[in-house]
Protein backbone atom coordinates (compact mmCIF):
# COMPACT_ATOMS: atom_id res chain seq x y z
CA MET A 1 34.08 -35.25 -12.68
CA PRO A 2 30.95 -36.20 -14.66
CA ALA A 3 30.71 -35.16 -18.29
CA PRO A 4 28.49 -32.16 -19.12
CA GLU A 5 24.93 -33.14 -19.93
CA ASP A 6 24.12 -33.25 -23.63
CA THR A 7 21.93 -30.27 -24.54
CA ASP A 8 19.92 -32.25 -27.11
CA ALA A 9 19.13 -34.86 -24.47
CA VAL A 10 17.90 -32.15 -22.13
CA GLN A 11 15.71 -30.63 -24.82
CA ALA A 12 14.36 -34.04 -25.76
CA ARG A 13 12.88 -34.44 -22.28
CA SER A 14 12.30 -30.73 -21.66
CA TYR A 15 8.61 -31.26 -20.85
CA SER A 16 8.97 -34.36 -18.67
CA GLY A 17 8.66 -34.33 -14.91
CA LYS A 18 12.45 -34.38 -14.54
CA GLY A 19 13.28 -31.98 -17.34
CA ARG A 20 14.48 -28.39 -17.16
CA ARG A 21 13.55 -25.38 -19.21
CA LYS A 22 15.71 -24.77 -22.28
CA ASP A 23 16.19 -21.12 -21.33
CA ALA A 24 17.18 -22.21 -17.79
CA VAL A 25 19.88 -24.46 -19.24
CA SER A 26 21.30 -21.61 -21.33
CA ALA A 27 21.01 -19.19 -18.41
CA GLY A 28 23.07 -21.39 -16.11
CA SER A 29 25.51 -22.82 -18.66
CA MET A 30 27.78 -19.77 -18.69
CA LEU A 31 28.45 -20.14 -14.97
CA GLY A 32 28.67 -23.92 -15.12
CA ARG A 33 25.85 -24.41 -12.60
CA ALA A 34 22.09 -24.89 -12.52
CA ALA A 35 19.98 -21.77 -12.84
CA PRO A 36 18.19 -20.60 -9.66
CA HIS A 37 15.10 -22.67 -8.93
CA ASN A 38 13.15 -24.29 -6.11
CA ILE A 39 11.21 -27.38 -7.15
CA ASP A 40 9.67 -27.81 -3.68
CA ALA A 41 8.15 -24.30 -3.78
CA GLU A 42 6.87 -24.89 -7.34
CA GLU A 43 5.14 -28.12 -6.31
CA ALA A 44 3.68 -26.51 -3.18
CA LEU A 45 2.34 -23.57 -5.21
CA LEU A 46 0.77 -25.90 -7.77
CA ALA A 47 -0.79 -27.88 -4.90
CA CYS A 48 -2.34 -24.60 -3.68
CA CYS A 49 -3.73 -24.04 -7.18
CA ILE A 50 -5.37 -27.47 -7.06
CA ILE A 51 -6.75 -26.97 -3.52
CA ASP A 52 -8.04 -23.43 -4.08
CA ALA A 53 -7.58 -22.33 -7.68
CA ALA A 54 -9.57 -19.10 -7.40
CA GLU A 55 -7.64 -17.68 -4.46
CA THR A 56 -4.17 -18.89 -5.51
CA LEU A 57 -4.50 -17.82 -9.14
CA SER A 58 -5.70 -14.43 -7.93
CA LEU A 59 -2.49 -14.09 -5.91
CA CYS A 60 -0.41 -15.25 -8.89
CA GLN A 61 -2.06 -12.75 -11.22
CA GLU A 62 -1.51 -9.91 -8.76
CA LYS A 63 2.15 -10.91 -8.53
CA GLY A 64 2.54 -11.23 -12.29
CA LEU A 65 3.41 -14.94 -12.29
CA ARG A 66 3.08 -16.68 -15.65
CA PRO A 67 3.41 -20.32 -16.79
CA GLU A 68 6.96 -19.67 -17.99
CA SER A 69 7.85 -18.56 -14.47
CA PHE A 70 8.20 -22.23 -13.49
CA TYR A 71 11.61 -23.86 -13.85
CA ARG A 72 10.34 -27.39 -14.48
CA PRO A 73 8.47 -27.57 -17.82
CA ALA A 74 5.94 -30.07 -16.45
CA HIS A 75 4.99 -27.49 -13.83
CA GLU A 76 4.71 -24.82 -16.52
CA ILE A 77 2.25 -27.00 -18.45
CA ILE A 78 0.15 -27.84 -15.38
CA PHE A 79 -0.11 -24.16 -14.38
CA HIS A 80 -1.06 -23.26 -17.95
CA ILE A 81 -3.82 -25.90 -18.00
CA ILE A 82 -5.16 -24.77 -14.61
CA GLU A 83 -5.37 -21.20 -15.91
CA GLN A 84 -7.29 -22.42 -18.97
CA MET A 85 -9.68 -24.42 -16.79
CA ARG A 86 -10.44 -21.36 -14.65
CA ARG A 87 -11.06 -19.21 -17.74
CA GLN A 88 -13.53 -21.87 -18.93
CA ASN A 89 -15.23 -21.95 -15.48
CA VAL A 90 -14.20 -25.57 -14.92
CA GLY A 91 -13.71 -26.59 -11.29
CA VAL A 92 -10.12 -27.52 -10.46
CA ASP A 93 -9.15 -30.58 -8.43
CA GLN A 94 -6.88 -33.55 -9.02
CA ILE A 95 -9.53 -35.48 -10.95
CA THR A 96 -10.64 -32.65 -13.25
CA LEU A 97 -7.01 -31.64 -13.83
CA ALA A 98 -6.06 -35.20 -14.83
CA ASN A 99 -9.05 -35.26 -17.19
CA ALA A 100 -8.07 -31.90 -18.73
CA LEU A 101 -4.48 -33.09 -19.29
CA ALA A 102 -5.67 -36.35 -20.81
CA GLY A 103 -7.88 -34.40 -23.21
CA ARG A 104 -4.94 -32.48 -24.69
CA THR A 105 -2.00 -33.72 -26.71
CA VAL A 106 1.63 -32.65 -26.77
CA GLY A 107 1.08 -31.12 -30.20
CA THR A 108 -1.36 -28.57 -28.74
CA LEU A 109 1.48 -26.90 -26.81
CA PRO A 110 3.07 -23.81 -28.40
CA GLY A 111 6.09 -24.79 -30.47
CA ARG A 112 5.46 -28.55 -30.14
CA GLU A 113 3.25 -29.05 -33.19
CA ARG A 114 5.93 -31.17 -34.98
CA ASP A 115 7.20 -32.98 -31.91
CA PRO A 116 7.63 -36.77 -32.41
CA ASP A 117 5.33 -37.24 -29.41
CA SER A 118 2.78 -34.68 -30.62
CA GLY A 119 -0.05 -37.22 -30.60
CA GLN A 120 0.50 -38.38 -27.00
CA ASN A 121 -1.87 -36.99 -24.37
CA LEU A 122 -0.30 -34.66 -21.81
CA PHE A 123 -1.40 -36.69 -18.80
CA GLU A 124 0.69 -39.71 -19.79
CA TYR A 125 3.48 -37.56 -21.22
CA LEU A 126 4.00 -35.70 -17.94
CA GLY A 127 3.99 -38.80 -15.76
CA GLY A 128 0.31 -39.42 -15.02
CA HIS A 129 -0.99 -39.93 -11.50
CA ALA A 130 2.51 -40.31 -10.10
CA LEU A 131 3.34 -36.66 -10.82
CA LEU A 132 -0.04 -35.30 -9.65
CA ASN A 133 0.11 -37.36 -6.45
CA GLN A 134 3.60 -36.07 -5.80
CA ILE A 135 2.39 -32.47 -6.15
CA THR A 136 -0.84 -32.75 -4.15
CA SER A 137 0.80 -34.67 -1.29
CA ARG A 138 3.19 -31.79 -0.52
CA ILE A 139 0.80 -29.66 1.55
CA GLU A 140 -2.58 -29.77 3.31
CA SER A 141 -3.65 -26.11 3.15
CA THR A 142 -3.02 -22.91 1.19
CA VAL A 143 -2.03 -20.86 4.25
CA ASN A 144 1.53 -20.30 2.99
CA ALA A 145 0.64 -19.86 -0.69
CA SER A 146 1.94 -16.28 -0.80
CA PHE A 147 5.34 -17.34 0.53
CA TRP A 148 5.75 -20.15 -1.99
CA LEU A 149 4.62 -17.72 -4.68
CA ASP A 150 7.33 -15.26 -3.61
CA ILE A 151 9.99 -17.98 -3.83
CA VAL A 152 8.93 -19.14 -7.31
CA PHE A 153 8.68 -15.55 -8.54
CA GLU A 154 12.07 -14.59 -7.11
CA LYS A 155 13.82 -17.56 -8.77
CA TRP A 156 12.16 -16.66 -12.08
CA VAL A 157 13.38 -13.06 -11.85
CA LEU A 158 16.90 -14.26 -11.09
CA ARG A 159 16.86 -16.60 -14.10
CA ARG A 160 15.69 -13.75 -16.33
CA LEU A 161 18.47 -11.54 -15.01
CA ILE A 162 21.05 -14.28 -15.64
CA LYS A 163 19.75 -14.81 -19.17
CA THR A 164 19.76 -11.07 -19.87
CA ALA A 165 23.20 -10.60 -18.35
CA THR A 166 24.55 -13.54 -20.38
CA SER A 167 23.18 -12.05 -23.59
CA VAL A 168 24.67 -8.67 -22.64
CA VAL A 169 28.11 -10.21 -22.16
CA GLU A 170 27.80 -12.05 -25.47
CA GLY A 171 26.62 -8.84 -27.15
CA CYS A 172 29.61 -6.95 -25.77
CA TYR A 173 31.94 -9.35 -27.55
CA THR A 174 30.05 -9.41 -30.84
CA ASN A 175 28.68 -5.86 -31.03
CA GLU A 176 30.34 -3.66 -33.63
CA GLY A 177 29.09 -0.10 -33.79
CA GLN A 178 25.67 1.23 -32.75
CA LEU A 179 26.69 1.27 -29.08
CA ASP A 180 23.84 3.63 -28.12
CA THR A 181 21.25 1.25 -29.59
CA PHE A 182 22.82 -1.71 -27.80
CA ILE A 183 22.84 0.07 -24.41
CA ASP A 184 19.26 1.22 -24.92
CA THR A 185 18.16 -2.37 -25.62
CA VAL A 186 19.92 -3.59 -22.47
CA GLU A 187 18.27 -0.87 -20.38
CA GLN A 188 14.85 -1.75 -21.76
CA GLU A 189 15.27 -5.44 -20.92
CA ILE A 190 16.46 -4.72 -17.34
CA PHE A 191 13.68 -2.15 -16.85
CA LYS A 192 11.05 -4.64 -18.01
CA ILE A 193 12.24 -7.18 -15.44
CA GLY A 194 12.07 -4.49 -12.76
CA GLN A 195 8.56 -3.50 -13.83
CA ASP A 196 7.34 -7.10 -13.67
CA ARG A 197 8.85 -7.49 -10.19
CA VAL A 198 6.97 -4.56 -8.63
CA SER A 199 3.17 -4.55 -8.67
CA ASP A 200 1.50 -1.36 -9.86
CA ALA A 201 -0.14 -0.14 -6.62
CA ALA A 202 0.37 3.63 -6.99
CA ILE A 203 -2.76 5.66 -7.66
CA PRO A 204 -2.58 9.00 -9.50
CA MET A 205 -3.34 12.03 -7.35
CA SER A 206 -6.08 13.05 -9.74
CA LYS A 207 -7.99 9.85 -8.95
CA SER A 208 -7.56 10.30 -5.17
CA VAL A 209 -8.71 13.94 -5.31
CA GLU A 210 -11.70 12.98 -7.45
CA ASP A 211 -12.74 10.26 -4.98
CA ALA A 212 -12.30 12.60 -2.01
CA THR A 213 -14.39 15.32 -3.70
CA THR A 214 -17.15 12.85 -4.49
CA LEU A 215 -17.22 11.66 -0.87
CA ILE A 216 -17.36 15.24 0.48
CA ASN A 217 -20.26 16.06 -1.83
CA LYS A 218 -22.15 12.94 -0.67
CA ILE A 219 -21.57 13.80 2.99
CA MET A 220 -22.72 17.40 2.52
CA SER A 221 -25.84 16.30 0.68
CA GLY A 222 -26.64 13.71 3.36
CA GLN A 223 -26.25 10.77 0.96
CA ALA A 224 -23.40 9.15 2.89
CA SER A 225 -21.28 9.39 6.00
CA ALA A 226 -17.52 9.36 5.97
CA GLY A 227 -17.51 5.85 7.41
CA THR A 228 -19.85 3.00 8.35
CA PRO A 229 -21.85 3.81 11.51
CA THR A 230 -21.22 1.65 14.58
CA GLY A 231 -24.71 2.26 15.96
CA TYR A 232 -23.44 4.41 18.85
CA LYS A 233 -24.38 7.98 18.02
CA ASP A 234 -21.91 9.75 20.35
CA LEU A 235 -19.03 7.59 19.12
CA ASP A 236 -20.04 8.04 15.49
CA ARG A 237 -20.27 11.80 15.98
CA MET A 238 -16.59 11.91 16.98
CA THR A 239 -15.21 9.25 14.61
CA PHE A 240 -17.71 9.46 11.70
CA GLY A 241 -18.01 5.67 11.93
CA VAL A 242 -15.40 3.06 11.04
CA HIS A 243 -13.33 3.65 7.91
CA LYS A 244 -11.87 1.42 5.21
CA GLY A 245 -8.24 0.56 5.83
CA ASP A 246 -8.32 1.61 9.49
CA MET A 247 -7.05 -0.50 12.36
CA ILE A 248 -9.22 0.23 15.40
CA VAL A 249 -7.96 -1.05 18.76
CA LEU A 250 -10.49 -1.58 21.56
CA ALA A 251 -8.60 -2.22 24.80
CA ALA A 252 -9.61 -2.93 28.37
CA ARG A 253 -8.74 -5.04 31.39
CA PRO A 254 -10.21 -8.58 31.53
CA SER A 255 -13.98 -8.86 32.18
CA MET A 256 -14.58 -5.21 31.33
CA GLY A 257 -16.91 -5.93 28.41
CA LYS A 258 -14.68 -5.40 25.39
CA THR A 259 -15.95 -8.59 23.72
CA SER A 260 -19.54 -7.51 24.36
CA LEU A 261 -18.94 -4.05 22.88
CA ALA A 262 -17.14 -5.47 19.84
CA MET A 263 -19.93 -7.98 19.17
CA ASN A 264 -22.56 -5.26 19.70
CA ILE A 265 -20.83 -3.22 16.97
CA ALA A 266 -20.57 -6.29 14.73
CA GLU A 267 -24.26 -7.06 15.21
CA GLN A 268 -25.38 -3.49 14.55
CA MET A 269 -23.37 -3.40 11.31
CA ALA A 270 -24.52 -6.84 10.11
CA ILE A 271 -28.16 -6.32 11.18
CA PRO A 272 -28.69 -2.56 11.20
CA ARG A 273 -31.97 -1.07 12.34
CA SER A 274 -31.91 0.96 9.11
CA GLY A 275 -29.69 1.05 6.04
CA ASP A 276 -27.81 -1.70 4.23
CA PRO A 277 -26.13 -4.51 6.20
CA SER A 278 -22.35 -4.97 6.12
CA ASN A 279 -20.54 -8.31 5.81
CA VAL A 280 -18.74 -8.95 9.10
CA LEU A 281 -16.02 -11.54 9.79
CA VAL A 282 -15.21 -12.33 13.43
CA PHE A 283 -12.09 -14.16 14.59
CA SER A 284 -12.86 -15.34 18.12
CA LEU A 285 -9.74 -16.86 19.65
CA GLU A 286 -11.15 -16.84 23.18
CA MET A 287 -14.84 -17.80 22.97
CA GLY A 288 -16.63 -20.42 20.91
CA ALA A 289 -18.96 -19.44 18.06
CA ASP A 290 -21.97 -20.87 19.92
CA GLN A 291 -21.24 -18.71 22.98
CA LEU A 292 -20.99 -15.57 20.88
CA ALA A 293 -24.18 -16.49 19.03
CA MET A 294 -26.02 -16.93 22.34
CA ARG A 295 -24.85 -13.52 23.52
CA MET A 296 -26.01 -11.84 20.32
CA LEU A 297 -29.30 -13.75 20.32
CA CYS A 298 -30.15 -12.81 23.92
CA ARG A 299 -29.14 -9.18 23.41
CA ARG A 300 -31.24 -8.71 20.32
CA ALA A 301 -34.21 -10.62 21.76
CA ARG A 302 -33.86 -8.71 25.08
CA VAL A 303 -33.73 -11.93 27.08
CA ASN A 304 -31.80 -12.30 30.35
CA MET A 305 -28.87 -14.67 29.78
CA ARG A 306 -28.99 -15.89 33.38
CA ARG A 307 -32.55 -17.10 32.86
CA VAL A 308 -31.39 -18.95 29.76
CA ARG A 309 -28.68 -20.76 31.76
CA ASP A 310 -31.13 -21.48 34.59
CA GLY A 311 -33.74 -22.81 32.16
CA THR A 312 -36.44 -20.46 33.48
CA LEU A 313 -37.49 -18.69 30.27
CA GLY A 314 -41.14 -17.83 29.83
CA LYS A 315 -43.26 -18.27 26.70
CA GLU A 316 -42.79 -14.63 25.68
CA ASP A 317 -39.01 -14.97 25.94
CA MET A 318 -39.05 -18.12 23.80
CA ARG A 319 -41.17 -16.38 21.15
CA ASN A 320 -38.70 -13.48 21.08
CA ILE A 321 -35.72 -15.83 20.75
CA THR A 322 -37.40 -17.80 17.95
CA THR A 323 -38.23 -14.63 16.00
CA THR A 324 -34.76 -13.19 16.53
CA ALA A 325 -33.08 -16.46 15.52
CA VAL A 326 -34.83 -16.35 12.14
CA GLU A 327 -33.58 -12.79 11.63
CA MET A 328 -30.01 -13.60 12.69
CA LYS A 329 -29.74 -16.65 10.46
CA ARG A 330 -29.97 -14.29 7.48
CA ALA A 331 -27.29 -11.95 8.86
CA PRO A 332 -24.10 -11.64 6.75
CA LEU A 333 -21.89 -12.49 9.74
CA TRP A 334 -19.23 -15.21 9.90
CA ILE A 335 -17.42 -16.44 13.03
CA ASP A 336 -14.08 -18.28 12.96
CA ASP A 337 -13.44 -19.66 16.45
CA ALA A 338 -10.14 -21.45 15.81
CA SER A 339 -8.23 -21.11 19.09
CA HIS A 340 -4.75 -21.35 17.56
CA VAL A 341 -4.02 -19.11 14.60
CA THR A 342 -0.97 -17.20 13.41
CA ILE A 343 -1.11 -13.76 11.81
CA LEU A 344 -0.31 -15.33 8.43
CA GLU A 345 -3.15 -17.84 8.74
CA LEU A 346 -5.54 -15.12 9.88
CA ARG A 347 -4.65 -12.91 6.91
CA ALA A 348 -5.03 -15.84 4.51
CA LYS A 349 -8.50 -16.64 5.90
CA ALA A 350 -9.56 -13.00 5.60
CA ARG A 351 -8.31 -12.86 1.99
CA ARG A 352 -10.25 -16.00 1.11
CA MET A 353 -13.43 -14.58 2.63
CA GLN A 354 -12.95 -11.32 0.70
CA SER A 355 -12.37 -13.31 -2.50
CA ARG A 356 -15.48 -15.39 -1.85
CA LEU A 357 -17.62 -12.31 -1.28
CA SER A 358 -16.16 -10.61 -4.36
CA ARG A 359 -17.37 -13.49 -6.51
CA GLU A 360 -20.82 -12.84 -5.07
CA LYS A 361 -20.56 -9.09 -5.82
CA GLY A 362 -19.95 -8.17 -2.19
CA ARG A 363 -17.11 -7.29 0.15
CA LEU A 364 -16.23 -7.30 3.82
CA GLY A 365 -17.45 -4.33 5.84
CA LEU A 366 -15.70 -5.17 9.12
CA ILE A 367 -13.23 -7.66 10.60
CA VAL A 368 -13.29 -8.22 14.37
CA ILE A 369 -10.38 -9.97 16.14
CA ASP A 370 -10.82 -11.09 19.76
CA TYR A 371 -8.10 -10.64 20.80
CA LEU A 372 -4.63 -9.58 19.65
CA GLN A 373 -2.55 -11.19 22.42
CA LEU A 374 -4.01 -14.63 21.64
CA ILE A 375 -2.67 -14.64 18.06
CA SER A 376 0.29 -17.00 17.85
CA GLY A 377 3.72 -15.63 16.99
CA MET A 378 5.74 -16.98 14.10
CA GLY A 379 9.03 -17.57 15.93
CA GLY A 380 9.17 -19.63 19.10
CA ASN A 381 12.44 -18.05 20.25
CA THR A 382 11.47 -14.49 19.29
CA PRO A 383 10.73 -12.17 22.25
CA ARG A 384 6.98 -11.82 22.78
CA GLU A 385 7.11 -8.04 22.43
CA GLN A 386 8.66 -8.41 18.98
CA GLN A 387 6.03 -11.01 18.04
CA ILE A 388 3.25 -8.64 19.10
CA SER A 389 4.86 -5.89 16.99
CA GLU A 390 4.84 -8.17 13.93
CA ILE A 391 1.23 -9.16 14.59
CA SER A 392 0.20 -5.51 14.97
CA ARG A 393 1.92 -4.54 11.71
CA GLY A 394 0.31 -7.54 10.00
CA LEU A 395 -3.17 -6.47 11.10
CA LYS A 396 -2.63 -2.93 9.89
CA GLY A 397 -1.37 -4.35 6.59
CA LEU A 398 -4.50 -6.52 6.38
CA ALA A 399 -6.75 -3.48 6.84
CA LYS A 400 -4.98 -1.60 4.03
CA GLU A 401 -4.71 -4.61 1.72
CA LEU A 402 -8.41 -5.53 1.90
CA GLU A 403 -9.60 -1.92 2.36
CA VAL A 404 -11.73 -2.91 5.33
CA PRO A 405 -11.85 -1.62 8.94
CA VAL A 406 -10.27 -4.08 11.37
CA LEU A 407 -11.47 -3.90 14.97
CA VAL A 408 -8.81 -5.47 17.18
CA LEU A 409 -9.38 -6.21 20.85
CA SER A 410 -6.40 -5.89 23.16
CA GLN A 411 -5.53 -6.29 26.81
CA LEU A 412 -4.37 -3.49 29.10
CA ASN A 413 -1.74 -3.90 31.79
CA ARG A 414 -2.43 -3.34 35.51
CA GLU A 415 -0.89 0.13 35.81
CA ALA A 416 -4.22 1.99 35.67
CA GLU A 417 -5.64 -0.17 38.45
CA LYS A 418 -2.53 0.23 40.60
CA GLU A 419 -2.59 4.01 40.24
CA ASN A 420 -6.42 4.22 40.42
CA ARG A 421 -6.70 6.32 37.25
CA PRO A 422 -8.37 6.08 33.83
CA PRO A 423 -6.46 3.96 31.27
CA ARG A 424 -4.20 5.61 28.70
CA LEU A 425 -2.25 4.65 25.58
CA SER A 426 0.86 3.58 27.47
CA ASP A 427 -1.20 0.91 29.25
CA LEU A 428 -1.54 -1.19 26.09
CA ARG A 429 -0.09 -4.57 26.96
CA GLU A 430 3.21 -6.02 25.66
CA SER A 431 4.07 -3.59 22.88
CA GLY A 432 4.16 0.12 22.13
CA SER A 433 3.83 -0.67 18.42
CA ILE A 434 0.09 -1.26 18.87
CA GLU A 435 -0.57 2.41 19.56
CA GLN A 436 1.77 3.33 16.70
CA ASP A 437 0.05 1.09 14.12
CA ALA A 438 -3.52 1.82 15.20
CA ASP A 439 -5.54 4.56 13.52
CA VAL A 440 -8.02 4.68 16.41
CA VAL A 441 -7.54 3.48 20.00
CA LEU A 442 -10.62 3.08 22.21
CA LEU A 443 -10.18 2.38 25.93
CA LEU A 444 -12.96 1.10 28.16
CA ALA A 445 -12.63 2.73 31.56
CA LYS A 446 -13.48 0.79 34.69
CA ASP A 447 -17.21 0.28 35.11
CA ARG A 448 -18.40 2.81 37.58
CA GLU A 449 -21.69 3.43 39.34
CA SER A 450 -22.78 7.00 38.79
CA SER A 451 -22.74 9.14 41.93
CA ASP A 452 -26.06 10.53 40.74
CA LYS A 453 -28.36 7.51 41.04
CA SER A 454 -31.00 9.15 38.86
CA SER A 455 -28.69 9.52 35.87
CA VAL A 456 -28.93 5.86 34.80
CA PRO A 457 -31.80 3.37 35.01
CA ALA A 458 -31.69 0.73 37.73
CA GLY A 459 -29.74 -2.40 36.84
CA THR A 460 -27.46 -0.58 34.40
CA ARG A 461 -24.02 0.98 34.57
CA LYS A 462 -22.63 4.14 33.06
CA VAL A 463 -19.35 3.35 31.26
CA GLU A 464 -16.79 5.73 29.82
CA LEU A 465 -15.31 4.93 26.39
CA ILE A 466 -12.12 6.93 25.93
CA ILE A 467 -10.99 7.82 22.39
CA ALA A 468 -7.29 7.92 23.28
CA LYS A 469 -6.05 8.21 19.69
CA GLN A 470 -7.66 9.12 16.39
CA ARG A 471 -5.40 9.75 13.45
CA ASN A 472 -7.96 11.79 11.54
CA GLY A 473 -10.14 13.26 14.25
CA PRO A 474 -10.43 14.53 17.82
CA VAL A 475 -9.75 12.59 21.00
CA GLY A 476 -12.01 12.65 24.04
CA SER A 477 -14.54 10.36 25.66
CA VAL A 478 -18.14 9.28 25.26
CA ASP A 479 -20.54 7.72 27.74
CA LEU A 480 -22.30 4.41 27.14
CA THR A 481 -24.88 2.53 29.16
CA PHE A 482 -24.09 -1.12 29.94
CA ILE A 483 -26.94 -3.55 30.67
CA PRO A 484 -25.36 -6.65 32.30
CA GLU A 485 -28.39 -8.95 31.95
CA TYR A 486 -28.21 -8.63 28.14
CA THR A 487 -24.41 -8.04 27.95
CA SER A 488 -25.42 -5.02 25.91
CA PHE A 489 -23.93 -1.57 25.48
CA GLU A 490 -26.49 1.09 24.58
CA ASN A 491 -26.43 4.77 23.70
CA TYR A 492 -26.26 6.76 26.91
CA THR A 493 -29.21 8.95 27.82
CA GLU A 494 -29.92 10.77 31.06
CA SER A 495 -32.71 9.13 32.98
CA VAL A 496 -35.71 11.40 33.53
């Protein structure tokens, strides 16, 4: 059995790449084992900080992670320096981090002013490029940053609990009198750990009531609507637009026009005919960004897509497309057409976009996902229905977390076609949890030619949009006019 490690030796190298924290040594010494830690997760989290400091540090701050949360002292120092660099508006990457470490000495660290190595620069002291290369080579993206953050945070909480429990046991043996004071101190220490573990997300009722009253007053005075208008007056009259934190499901059978309707809504919010534009993020797992852009361009320019494909556009059409293209280039609309994405990757991308817009004094107004069943599940052996349930819950969580409406497209099963009836909630494909998680469910009924030929213009179709579920409003249906040559849904009006 090897001899116990000399404590002085550990402290002597407590800030090296292989060292451990002094408090971690004391925390684990009573049990004769190393304190809880995960070096791999620490290195991965630091790599995320180097790849995307703004986003990762934002997550760390929300979680309550601090430099001392790291088990390895070298990691504690690196995290501390990255935080300083961000506060000083210095860009963070491996080169700038190495330069920042080289510009500081060991003696600048708290409690190390009289260290024998106080004059040595931190870059060499910590191990130089070897340590930074080891950290940055661990990962290629920040997709799983929140999971590595959870691991590091959990190990830190466990070490604090061990340290507190150890001091409590020692205090029980040495305490003489003043038992009430001792117990109160113990309770305070445990409560503080519990407070740090849980983020403060609760909002006082007074604040919620105040916000609701303000919104009601704005609506009554005509200064604002309850939500952001979609551009379809009949739909907006029943739903009051799309609302922050809502998950809206738009479902239909294949080739029914759900992508067209979703992109029409996205376009009308990003490039409204009147009012302020909203930032829109589209995840297109089925169609490429160029295909969606062509659809939107032709719709807004009122140009027949078939003539575009045939190459038979006239001069007037080309002028309209050129003018519309200039307008659309300025639109605050982003399209991510990655064909393979998990719910965790999708949420991470949405968070990064929200963070980016926040730095520019903006925020997302709508997220569109086309479509839910194409999002990859996390577990290969997990039943697909369970995967869809996890994806659905993740999308609802995304809407609440970012306080943005999420419009999710979904497939319907064949039951409505077999029974020759309008679609209903139970027709949502693969999982009943979709209808449970959704705040609003919209179903596109089968395109139908009106029996009264005079009710719609020639070359168009009257389509029924069923509001099958609305958590905070009525259900029912609205009529829309679909113009196939522009792949455009329009407000329905009776033809004269």
